[in-house]
Amino acid sequence: MLIPTAGASFHGLGEGNGTVGTILNCLTEDTTEEKIVEALAARFSGSREDMTEDVHAVIAKLSAIGAIDE
């Protein structure tokens, strides 16, 4: 779940699955998309290609709503 703080530029509530939760957890520190994919691969089964696409899509969505700065 993603809830904005007082300084956030977006308003509302975001919800996701375990993949999104892992991505959000990784984003609490300075990281790269590749490191996030590695974290997903350590936790979930699936193709790295799909994980890479998921990471890119989630980061793009979070950026689009102002939840993160890249």
Protein backbone atom coordinates (compact mmCIF):
# COMPACT_ATOMS: atom_id res chain seq x y z
CA MET A 1 0.00 0.00 0.00
CA LEU A 2 1.26 3.47 -0.86
CA ILE A 3 0.00 6.41 1.17
CA PRO A 4 1.23 9.95 0.49
CA THR A 5 2.93 12.04 3.14
CA ALA A 6 2.32 15.73 3.67
CA GLY A 7 5.08 16.63 1.22
CA ALA A 8 3.96 14.24 -1.54
CA SER A 9 2.85 15.67 -4.85
CA PHE A 10 0.20 12.98 -5.32
CA HIS A 11 -3.00 12.46 -3.37
CA GLY A 12 -4.82 9.24 -2.76
CA LEU A 13 -4.02 5.67 -2.00
CA GLY A 14 -2.15 3.10 -4.05
CA GLU A 15 -2.37 -0.64 -3.70
CA GLY A 16 -0.32 -3.42 -5.22
CA ASN A 17 0.72 -7.03 -4.88
CA GLY A 18 3.85 -8.68 -3.46
CA THR A 19 5.85 -7.66 -6.50
CA VAL A 20 4.95 -4.00 -6.01
CA GLY A 21 5.69 -4.31 -2.30
CA THR A 22 9.16 -5.65 -3.02
CA ILE A 23 9.80 -2.89 -5.55
CA LEU A 24 8.65 -0.22 -3.08
CA ASN A 25 10.85 -1.70 -0.38
CA CYS A 26 13.85 -1.56 -2.71
CA LEU A 27 13.06 2.06 -3.54
CA THR A 28 13.53 3.12 0.07
CA GLU A 29 17.27 3.13 -0.68
CA ASP A 30 19.35 4.34 -3.60
CA THR A 31 19.13 1.48 -6.11
CA THR A 32 18.93 0.54 -9.78
CA GLU A 33 16.30 -1.29 -11.78
CA GLU A 34 18.71 -4.23 -12.12
CA LYS A 35 19.15 -4.49 -8.35
CA ILE A 36 15.38 -4.46 -7.95
CA VAL A 37 15.07 -7.26 -10.51
CA GLU A 38 17.67 -9.22 -8.53
CA ALA A 39 15.59 -8.75 -5.36
CA LEU A 40 12.47 -9.96 -7.17
CA ALA A 41 14.30 -12.98 -8.60
CA ALA A 42 15.46 -13.93 -5.11
CA ARG A 43 11.88 -13.85 -3.82
CA PHE A 44 9.70 -14.97 -6.75
CA SER A 45 9.90 -17.47 -9.58
CA GLY A 46 9.49 -16.25 -13.14
CA SER A 47 11.45 -14.92 -16.05
CA ARG A 48 13.89 -12.10 -15.48
CA GLU A 49 12.57 -10.51 -18.65
CA ASP A 50 9.06 -10.30 -17.17
CA MET A 51 10.47 -9.00 -13.89
CA THR A 52 12.45 -6.33 -15.71
CA GLU A 53 9.31 -5.23 -17.57
CA ASP A 54 7.33 -5.18 -14.30
CA VAL A 55 9.97 -3.09 -12.52
CA HIS A 56 10.09 -0.61 -15.38
CA ALA A 57 6.28 -0.36 -15.51
CA VAL A 58 5.87 0.13 -11.75
CA ILE A 59 8.60 2.78 -11.60
CA ALA A 60 7.06 4.58 -14.59
CA LYS A 61 3.62 4.54 -12.94
CA LEU A 62 4.98 5.75 -9.59
CA SER A 63 6.87 8.51 -11.35
CA ALA A 64 3.82 9.51 -13.39
CA ILE A 65 1.69 10.01 -10.27
CA GLY A 66 4.45 11.89 -8.49
CA ALA A 67 5.06 9.18 -5.87
CA ILE A 68 8.80 9.02 -6.63
CA ASP A 69 11.50 11.14 -8.20
CA GLU A 70 13.87 9.27 -10.46
